[in-house]
């Protein structure tokens, strides 16, 4: 299953759910414009985003979080890659 890892700094005045909602509502148009093949691959099946999401707020510093995301990228190298 396709998934995305994001490292985002969200100021306390913003609700995490609203930020995720904004990303999920605004990104499809930009993705379709930049990568037309996504129309056939994902948008014809009801969209690119699932209904849920997972958020983790942990006490790691930024370097540790970025190292984790980079490690996940290496782990995912064996999966199907999109040709950009």
N, C-alpha and C. Protein backbone atom coordinates (compact mmCIF):
# COMPACT_ATOMS: atom_id res chain seq x y z
N UNK A 1 0.84 -1.17 0.00
CA UNK A 1 0.00 0.00 0.00
C UNK A 1 0.89 1.24 0.00
N UNK A 2 0.52 2.22 -0.75
CA UNK A 2 1.28 3.47 -0.82
C UNK A 2 1.05 4.28 0.45
N UNK A 3 2.07 4.98 0.85
CA UNK A 3 1.94 5.84 2.01
C UNK A 3 2.95 6.97 1.93
N UNK A 4 2.77 7.96 2.77
CA UNK A 4 3.62 9.14 2.78
C UNK A 4 4.09 9.39 4.21
N UNK A 5 5.36 9.71 4.35
CA UNK A 5 5.89 10.18 5.63
C UNK A 5 6.14 11.68 5.47
N UNK A 6 5.66 12.47 6.41
CA UNK A 6 5.89 13.91 6.39
C UNK A 6 6.43 14.34 7.74
N UNK A 7 7.36 15.26 7.71
CA UNK A 7 7.82 15.90 8.94
C UNK A 7 7.32 17.33 8.85
N UNK A 8 6.40 17.67 9.72
CA UNK A 8 5.75 18.98 9.67
C UNK A 8 5.81 19.62 11.05
N UNK A 9 6.14 20.88 11.09
CA UNK A 9 6.08 21.63 12.34
C UNK A 9 4.75 22.39 12.32
N UNK A 10 3.91 22.08 13.28
CA UNK A 10 2.60 22.73 13.37
C UNK A 10 2.57 23.55 14.65
N UNK A 11 2.44 24.87 14.53
CA UNK A 11 2.36 25.70 15.73
C UNK A 11 1.16 25.29 16.59
N UNK A 12 1.26 25.44 17.90
CA UNK A 12 0.19 25.01 18.80
C UNK A 12 -1.17 25.65 18.53
N UNK A 13 -1.19 26.80 17.89
CA UNK A 13 -2.48 27.47 17.64
C UNK A 13 -3.31 26.76 16.57
N UNK A 14 -2.69 25.83 15.82
CA UNK A 14 -3.40 25.09 14.78
C UNK A 14 -3.71 23.67 15.24
N UNK A 15 -4.91 23.23 14.99
CA UNK A 15 -5.28 21.85 15.31
C UNK A 15 -4.67 20.93 14.26
N UNK A 16 -4.08 19.84 14.71
CA UNK A 16 -3.46 18.87 13.80
C UNK A 16 -4.47 18.38 12.78
N UNK A 17 -5.68 18.08 13.22
CA UNK A 17 -6.71 17.57 12.31
C UNK A 17 -7.01 18.57 11.19
N UNK A 18 -7.02 19.85 11.51
CA UNK A 18 -7.30 20.87 10.48
C UNK A 18 -6.15 20.96 9.47
N UNK A 19 -4.92 20.84 9.94
CA UNK A 19 -3.76 20.87 9.05
C UNK A 19 -3.80 19.67 8.11
N UNK A 20 -4.07 18.50 8.65
CA UNK A 20 -4.16 17.30 7.81
C UNK A 20 -5.29 17.45 6.80
N UNK A 21 -6.44 17.96 7.25
CA UNK A 21 -7.57 18.18 6.35
C UNK A 21 -7.17 19.13 5.21
N UNK A 22 -6.46 20.18 5.54
CA UNK A 22 -6.02 21.14 4.53
C UNK A 22 -5.09 20.49 3.51
N UNK A 23 -4.11 19.74 4.00
CA UNK A 23 -3.18 19.05 3.09
C UNK A 23 -3.93 18.10 2.18
N UNK A 24 -4.84 17.33 2.76
CA UNK A 24 -5.57 16.34 1.97
C UNK A 24 -6.54 16.98 0.98
N UNK A 25 -7.04 18.17 1.29
CA UNK A 25 -7.98 18.82 0.38
C UNK A 25 -7.29 19.62 -0.72
N UNK A 26 -6.10 20.15 -0.44
CA UNK A 26 -5.42 21.01 -1.41
C UNK A 26 -4.43 20.28 -2.31
N UNK A 27 -3.89 19.18 -1.86
CA UNK A 27 -2.83 18.50 -2.62
C UNK A 27 -3.29 17.77 -3.88
N UNK A 28 -4.49 17.20 -3.94
CA UNK A 28 -4.85 16.45 -5.16
C UNK A 28 -4.79 17.28 -6.45
N UNK A 29 -5.26 18.51 -6.41
CA UNK A 29 -5.25 19.34 -7.62
C UNK A 29 -3.82 19.58 -8.09
N UNK A 30 -2.93 19.91 -7.17
CA UNK A 30 -1.53 20.16 -7.53
C UNK A 30 -0.86 18.89 -8.05
N UNK A 31 -1.15 17.76 -7.42
CA UNK A 31 -0.56 16.49 -7.86
C UNK A 31 -1.05 16.11 -9.26
N UNK A 32 -2.34 16.30 -9.51
CA UNK A 32 -2.88 15.97 -10.85
C UNK A 32 -2.24 16.85 -11.92
N UNK A 33 -2.03 18.12 -11.60
CA UNK A 33 -1.43 19.04 -12.57
C UNK A 33 0.02 18.66 -12.86
N UNK A 34 0.76 18.29 -11.84
CA UNK A 34 2.19 17.98 -12.01
C UNK A 34 2.42 16.57 -12.54
N UNK A 35 1.57 15.63 -12.16
CA UNK A 35 1.75 14.22 -12.54
C UNK A 35 0.45 13.68 -13.14
N UNK A 36 0.19 13.96 -14.41
CA UNK A 36 -1.08 13.55 -15.03
C UNK A 36 -1.38 12.06 -14.95
N UNK A 37 -0.36 11.21 -14.91
CA UNK A 37 -0.59 9.77 -14.85
C UNK A 37 -1.31 9.35 -13.56
N UNK A 38 -1.27 10.20 -12.54
CA UNK A 38 -1.96 9.88 -11.30
C UNK A 38 -3.47 9.83 -11.49
N UNK A 39 -3.98 10.55 -12.48
CA UNK A 39 -5.42 10.53 -12.74
C UNK A 39 -5.89 9.10 -12.95
N UNK A 40 -5.18 8.37 -13.78
CA UNK A 40 -5.55 6.99 -14.07
C UNK A 40 -5.22 6.07 -12.89
N UNK A 41 -4.07 6.28 -12.29
CA UNK A 41 -3.61 5.36 -11.25
C UNK A 41 -4.39 5.48 -9.94
N UNK A 42 -4.76 6.68 -9.56
CA UNK A 42 -5.38 6.86 -8.24
C UNK A 42 -6.73 7.56 -8.27
N UNK A 43 -6.82 8.66 -8.99
CA UNK A 43 -8.03 9.47 -8.90
C UNK A 43 -9.25 8.77 -9.49
N UNK A 44 -9.03 7.88 -10.44
CA UNK A 44 -10.16 7.15 -11.01
C UNK A 44 -10.72 6.13 -10.02
N UNK A 45 -9.98 5.87 -8.95
CA UNK A 45 -10.42 4.91 -7.92
C UNK A 45 -10.95 5.59 -6.67
N UNK A 46 -11.26 6.85 -6.75
CA UNK A 46 -11.83 7.52 -5.60
C UNK A 46 -10.91 8.48 -4.88
N UNK A 47 -9.73 8.70 -5.40
CA UNK A 47 -8.83 9.68 -4.79
C UNK A 47 -7.53 9.07 -4.31
N UNK A 48 -6.65 9.95 -3.86
CA UNK A 48 -5.33 9.49 -3.43
C UNK A 48 -5.23 9.30 -1.92
N UNK A 49 -6.10 9.90 -1.17
CA UNK A 49 -6.00 9.85 0.28
C UNK A 49 -7.01 8.88 0.87
N UNK A 50 -6.60 8.16 1.90
CA UNK A 50 -7.54 7.35 2.66
C UNK A 50 -8.27 8.26 3.65
N UNK A 51 -9.29 7.72 4.28
CA UNK A 51 -10.07 8.54 5.22
C UNK A 51 -9.28 8.86 6.48
N UNK A 52 -8.42 7.99 6.89
CA UNK A 52 -7.71 8.19 8.15
C UNK A 52 -6.30 8.71 7.97
N UNK A 53 -5.62 8.89 9.09
CA UNK A 53 -4.22 9.28 9.10
C UNK A 53 -3.64 8.95 10.46
N UNK A 54 -2.34 8.94 10.54
CA UNK A 54 -1.65 8.68 11.80
C UNK A 54 -0.72 9.85 12.09
N UNK A 55 -0.79 10.36 13.29
CA UNK A 55 0.07 11.45 13.71
C UNK A 55 0.81 11.00 14.96
N UNK A 56 2.08 11.30 15.00
CA UNK A 56 2.88 10.97 16.17
C UNK A 56 3.59 12.21 16.65
N UNK A 57 3.33 12.58 17.87
CA UNK A 57 4.02 13.70 18.51
C UNK A 57 4.92 13.10 19.58
N UNK A 58 6.20 13.16 19.33
CA UNK A 58 7.12 12.52 20.26
C UNK A 58 8.22 13.48 20.66
N UNK A 59 8.93 13.13 21.69
CA UNK A 59 9.95 14.00 22.25
C UNK A 59 11.31 13.90 21.60
N UNK A 60 11.38 13.45 20.36
CA UNK A 60 12.66 13.38 19.68
C UNK A 60 13.01 14.73 19.08
N UNK A 61 14.30 14.97 18.92
CA UNK A 61 14.67 16.21 18.27
C UNK A 61 14.57 16.05 16.75
N UNK A 62 14.67 17.15 16.05
CA UNK A 62 14.47 17.17 14.60
C UNK A 62 15.43 16.24 13.87
N UNK A 63 16.68 16.18 14.30
CA UNK A 63 17.66 15.31 13.63
C UNK A 63 17.25 13.85 13.72
N UNK A 64 16.75 13.43 14.88
CA UNK A 64 16.32 12.04 15.04
C UNK A 64 15.11 11.73 14.16
N UNK A 65 14.19 12.66 14.08
CA UNK A 65 12.99 12.45 13.26
C UNK A 65 13.38 12.36 11.79
N UNK A 66 14.22 13.26 11.32
CA UNK A 66 14.65 13.23 9.92
C UNK A 66 15.41 11.95 9.62
N UNK A 67 16.23 11.49 10.55
CA UNK A 67 16.95 10.23 10.36
C UNK A 67 15.97 9.07 10.22
N UNK A 68 14.91 9.08 11.01
CA UNK A 68 13.88 8.03 10.92
C UNK A 68 13.21 8.05 9.54
N UNK A 69 12.82 9.23 9.08
CA UNK A 69 12.16 9.34 7.78
C UNK A 69 13.10 8.89 6.67
N UNK A 70 14.37 9.27 6.74
CA UNK A 70 15.34 8.84 5.73
C UNK A 70 15.52 7.33 5.77
N UNK A 71 15.52 6.74 6.96
CA UNK A 71 15.62 5.28 7.08
C UNK A 71 14.40 4.62 6.43
N UNK A 72 13.22 5.17 6.66
CA UNK A 72 12.01 4.61 6.05
C UNK A 72 12.09 4.69 4.53
N UNK A 73 12.67 5.77 4.02
CA UNK A 73 12.83 5.90 2.57
C UNK A 73 13.71 4.79 2.03
N UNK A 74 14.79 4.47 2.73
CA UNK A 74 15.67 3.38 2.30
C UNK A 74 14.95 2.04 2.38
N UNK A 75 14.15 1.83 3.42
CA UNK A 75 13.39 0.59 3.57
C UNK A 75 12.39 0.41 2.43
N UNK A 76 11.84 1.51 1.95
CA UNK A 76 10.82 1.46 0.91
C UNK A 76 11.40 1.36 -0.50
N UNK A 77 12.71 1.42 -0.65
CA UNK A 77 13.34 1.39 -1.98
C UNK A 77 12.94 0.15 -2.78
N UNK A 78 12.70 -0.97 -2.11
CA UNK A 78 12.36 -2.20 -2.81
C UNK A 78 10.93 -2.22 -3.32
N UNK A 79 10.12 -1.26 -2.92
CA UNK A 79 8.74 -1.22 -3.37
C UNK A 79 8.65 -0.56 -4.74
N UNK A 80 7.51 -0.70 -5.34
CA UNK A 80 7.25 -0.09 -6.64
C UNK A 80 7.50 1.41 -6.56
N UNK A 81 8.26 1.93 -7.48
CA UNK A 81 8.56 3.35 -7.50
C UNK A 81 7.86 4.00 -8.68
N UNK A 82 7.34 5.20 -8.48
CA UNK A 82 6.73 5.95 -9.57
C UNK A 82 7.82 6.64 -10.37
N UNK A 83 7.67 6.67 -11.67
CA UNK A 83 8.66 7.31 -12.54
C UNK A 83 8.28 8.77 -12.72
N UNK A 84 9.08 9.67 -12.16
CA UNK A 84 8.81 11.11 -12.30
C UNK A 84 9.70 11.67 -13.37
